């Protein structure tokens, strides 16, 4: 076994272990299936862990980092769609639309490479085409390790951290919405997630 594979297994084990100590304070509206839930890439670990109890599907980058994350998500009983807005974007969009009709699908709309906290259209368009509601999550945590050199300042809550998570009310997008309506929804959600 290669050194990187060993380090990867250790990282997954550590993250899974530490995540069991996180304490969540939830506000907002609990998700129901089917739906699409979005949150910023920087807080994906805390978001995914909280939502794991709902057995959702995660959209995960096909990168090496994404491969590591799928191993962690498997421990959290997730299913996943591999792909991103950069790679296999058309197929990923089709998969999201199909899966969202019967499941909760989680998406980081500023991933996989940013810009940070810039809501790309994909998640909103998928919710519109699938005609399922969407919700956005906002996360805050006082004690965390921040990767300051990463594009998103990626966050890992420290052991026993208290994590505050809020889920918005479901947002339904009218089937007759036009491009200008979709653009307005994107801008409105992005401003509320800051």
Protein backbone atom coordinates (compact mmCIF):
# COMPACT_ATOMS: atom_id res chain seq x y z
CA UNK A 1 0.00 0.00 0.00
CA UNK A 2 1.36 3.42 -0.97
CA UNK A 3 2.14 6.07 1.62
CA UNK A 4 -0.58 8.39 0.26
CA UNK A 5 -3.20 5.64 0.55
CA UNK A 6 -2.21 4.99 4.16
CA UNK A 7 -2.33 8.70 5.00
CA UNK A 8 -5.70 8.94 3.27
CA UNK A 9 -7.13 6.11 5.36
CA UNK A 10 -5.81 7.71 8.54
CA UNK A 11 -7.32 11.08 7.54
CA UNK A 12 -10.72 9.50 6.90
CA UNK A 13 -10.60 7.64 10.21
CA UNK A 14 -9.64 10.80 12.11
CA UNK A 15 -12.31 12.96 10.47
CA UNK A 16 -14.98 10.35 11.12
CA UNK A 17 -13.87 10.03 14.76
CA UNK A 18 -13.76 13.79 15.37
CA UNK A 19 -17.14 14.31 13.67
CA UNK A 20 -18.78 12.10 16.30
CA UNK A 21 -17.86 14.70 18.94
CA UNK A 22 -19.42 17.67 17.14
CA UNK A 23 -22.50 19.16 18.82
CA UNK A 24 -25.12 20.79 16.60
CA UNK A 25 -27.52 23.60 17.39
CA UNK A 26 -30.17 23.55 14.66
CA UNK A 27 -32.60 26.27 13.64
CA UNK A 28 -34.85 26.56 10.62
CA UNK A 29 -36.77 23.96 8.66
CA UNK A 30 -35.79 20.30 8.59
CA UNK A 31 -35.39 18.92 5.06
CA UNK A 32 -37.87 16.58 3.46
CA UNK A 33 -37.40 14.41 0.41
CA UNK A 34 -37.33 15.19 -2.46
CA UNK A 35 -35.29 18.39 -2.36
CA UNK A 36 -31.95 20.04 -3.14
CA UNK A 37 -29.89 21.49 -0.28
CA UNK A 38 -26.97 23.84 -0.87
CA UNK A 39 -24.17 25.14 1.36
CA UNK A 40 -20.78 26.72 0.76
CA UNK A 41 -17.80 24.51 -0.02
CA UNK A 42 -15.87 25.82 3.01
CA UNK A 43 -18.33 24.21 5.44
CA UNK A 44 -19.11 20.98 3.59
CA UNK A 45 -17.84 18.64 6.32
CA UNK A 46 -20.04 20.12 9.06
CA UNK A 47 -23.01 20.31 6.66
CA UNK A 48 -22.64 16.78 5.32
CA UNK A 49 -22.30 15.31 8.82
CA UNK A 50 -25.47 17.02 10.07
CA UNK A 51 -27.47 16.00 7.00
CA UNK A 52 -26.23 12.40 7.05
CA UNK A 53 -29.19 11.38 9.23
CA UNK A 54 -31.46 12.07 6.24
CA UNK A 55 -29.48 9.68 4.00
CA UNK A 56 -28.99 12.16 1.15
CA UNK A 57 -26.93 12.10 -2.01
CA UNK A 58 -23.82 14.28 -2.31
CA UNK A 59 -22.32 15.73 -5.47
CA UNK A 60 -18.56 15.18 -5.15
CA UNK A 61 -15.72 16.36 -7.37
CA UNK A 62 -13.92 13.67 -9.44
CA UNK A 63 -10.59 14.97 -8.06
CA UNK A 64 -8.24 13.10 -5.69
CA UNK A 65 -9.65 15.14 -2.79
CA UNK A 66 -13.10 14.08 -3.91
CA UNK A 67 -12.00 10.44 -3.82
CA UNK A 68 -10.99 10.89 -0.19
CA UNK A 69 -14.30 12.56 0.62
CA UNK A 70 -16.32 9.71 -0.90
CA UNK A 71 -14.64 7.31 1.53
CA UNK A 72 -15.71 9.54 4.42
CA UNK A 73 -19.22 9.95 3.02
CA UNK A 74 -19.57 6.19 2.70
CA UNK A 75 -19.05 5.97 6.47
CA UNK A 76 -21.87 8.49 6.84
CA UNK A 77 -24.23 6.35 4.68
CA UNK A 78 -24.21 8.70 1.72
CA UNK A 79 -24.64 7.87 -1.92
CA UNK A 80 -22.90 10.20 -4.31
CA UNK A 81 -22.74 11.64 -7.79
CA UNK A 82 -19.16 12.10 -9.03
CA UNK A 83 -18.59 15.15 -11.16
CA UNK A 84 -18.59 18.94 -11.07
CA UNK A 85 -19.32 22.08 -13.04
CA UNK A 86 -15.82 21.68 -14.53
CA UNK A 87 -15.95 18.01 -15.54
CA UNK A 88 -18.82 15.95 -16.96
CA UNK A 89 -21.08 18.91 -16.20
CA UNK A 90 -23.88 17.88 -18.58
CA UNK A 91 -24.05 14.32 -17.21
CA UNK A 92 -23.83 15.58 -13.62
CA UNK A 93 -26.73 17.95 -14.20
CA UNK A 94 -28.84 15.12 -15.63
CA UNK A 95 -27.97 12.88 -12.67
CA UNK A 96 -28.84 15.60 -10.15
CA UNK A 97 -32.19 16.24 -11.82
CA UNK A 98 -33.09 12.54 -11.82
CA UNK A 99 -31.90 11.85 -8.27
CA UNK A 100 -33.54 14.98 -6.88
CA UNK A 101 -36.98 13.75 -7.90
CA UNK A 102 -36.89 11.06 -5.19
CA UNK A 103 -34.05 12.04 -2.83
CA UNK A 104 -32.36 14.83 -0.93
CA UNK A 105 -29.38 15.97 -3.01
CA UNK A 106 -26.67 18.14 -1.45
CA UNK A 107 -24.59 20.54 -3.54
CA UNK A 108 -21.79 23.04 -2.86
CA UNK A 109 -22.71 25.70 -5.44
CA UNK A 110 -19.37 27.52 -5.27
CA UNK A 111 -17.31 24.35 -5.74
CA UNK A 112 -15.09 22.80 -6.78
CA UNK A 113 -12.77 25.75 -7.41
CA UNK A 114 -14.71 28.89 -6.61
CA UNK A 115 -14.93 31.79 -6.61
CA UNK A 116 -15.62 31.51 -2.89
CA UNK A 117 -19.27 32.07 -1.91
CA UNK A 118 -20.31 32.73 -5.49
CA UNK A 119 -23.53 30.82 -6.22
CA UNK A 120 -23.24 29.16 -9.61
CA UNK A 121 -26.50 28.54 -11.43
CA UNK A 122 -26.39 24.71 -11.50
CA UNK A 123 -28.22 23.92 -8.23
CA UNK A 124 -31.00 26.43 -8.85
CA UNK A 125 -31.46 25.30 -12.45
CA UNK A 126 -31.58 21.66 -11.30
CA UNK A 127 -34.29 22.50 -8.74
CA UNK A 128 -36.24 24.37 -11.43
CA UNK A 129 -36.00 21.55 -13.98
CA UNK A 130 -36.77 18.84 -11.41
CA UNK A 131 -39.54 20.92 -9.85
CA UNK A 132 -38.38 20.10 -6.34
CA UNK A 133 -37.92 22.63 -3.52
CA UNK A 134 -34.47 23.78 -2.50
CA UNK A 135 -33.06 24.97 0.80
CA UNK A 136 -29.81 26.66 1.73
CA UNK A 137 -27.79 26.03 4.88
CA UNK A 138 -25.66 28.53 6.76
CA UNK A 139 -23.04 27.26 9.20
CA UNK A 140 -21.03 28.88 11.97
CA UNK A 141 -18.54 27.39 14.39
CA UNK A 142 -16.28 29.22 16.83
CA UNK A 143 -13.53 26.63 17.10
CA UNK A 144 -12.23 25.25 13.84
CA UNK A 145 -9.10 24.66 11.83
CA UNK A 146 -9.06 26.82 8.70
CA UNK A 147 -6.94 26.02 5.65
CA UNK A 148 -6.03 29.62 4.88
CA UNK A 149 -4.16 28.77 1.69
CA UNK A 150 -7.10 26.96 0.10
CA UNK A 151 -9.34 28.90 -2.29
CA UNK A 152 -12.36 28.56 0.04
CA UNK A 153 -10.59 28.73 3.44
CA UNK A 154 -11.79 25.19 4.05
CA UNK A 155 -12.97 24.54 7.61
CA UNK A 156 -12.72 21.53 9.92
CA UNK A 157 -14.50 21.99 13.26
CA UNK A 158 -12.31 20.99 16.18
CA UNK A 159 -13.27 18.12 18.51
CA UNK A 160 -16.33 18.83 20.69
CA UNK A 161 -17.08 22.04 18.79
CA UNK A 162 -20.58 23.47 18.91
CA UNK A 163 -21.81 24.00 15.36
CA UNK A 164 -24.72 26.30 14.56
CA UNK A 165 -26.64 25.33 11.46
CA UNK A 166 -29.67 27.04 9.97
CA UNK A 167 -31.71 25.65 7.10
CA UNK A 168 -33.90 28.04 5.16
CA UNK A 169 -37.55 27.46 4.44
CA UNK A 170 -38.07 25.48 1.21
CA UNK A 171 -37.87 27.59 -1.94
CA UNK A 172 -40.10 26.48 -4.80
CA UNK A 173 -39.33 27.69 -8.30
CA UNK A 174 -42.32 28.14 -10.57
CA UNK A 175 -42.29 25.93 -13.66
CA UNK A 176 -43.11 29.01 -15.76
CA UNK A 177 -40.11 30.99 -14.49
CA UNK A 178 -38.02 32.75 -17.10
CA UNK A 179 -34.25 33.33 -17.17
CA UNK A 180 -34.59 36.70 -15.44
CA UNK A 181 -36.60 35.07 -12.64
CA UNK A 182 -33.92 32.39 -12.17
CA UNK A 183 -31.19 35.05 -12.11
CA UNK A 184 -33.08 36.98 -9.43
CA UNK A 185 -33.50 33.82 -7.29
CA UNK A 186 -29.76 33.08 -7.59
CA UNK A 187 -28.81 36.61 -6.51
CA UNK A 188 -31.32 36.59 -3.66
CA UNK A 189 -30.14 33.25 -2.25
CA UNK A 190 -26.48 34.19 -2.60
CA UNK A 191 -27.00 37.41 -0.62
CA UNK A 192 -28.82 35.53 2.17
CA UNK A 193 -26.05 32.91 2.43
CA UNK A 194 -23.28 35.47 3.07
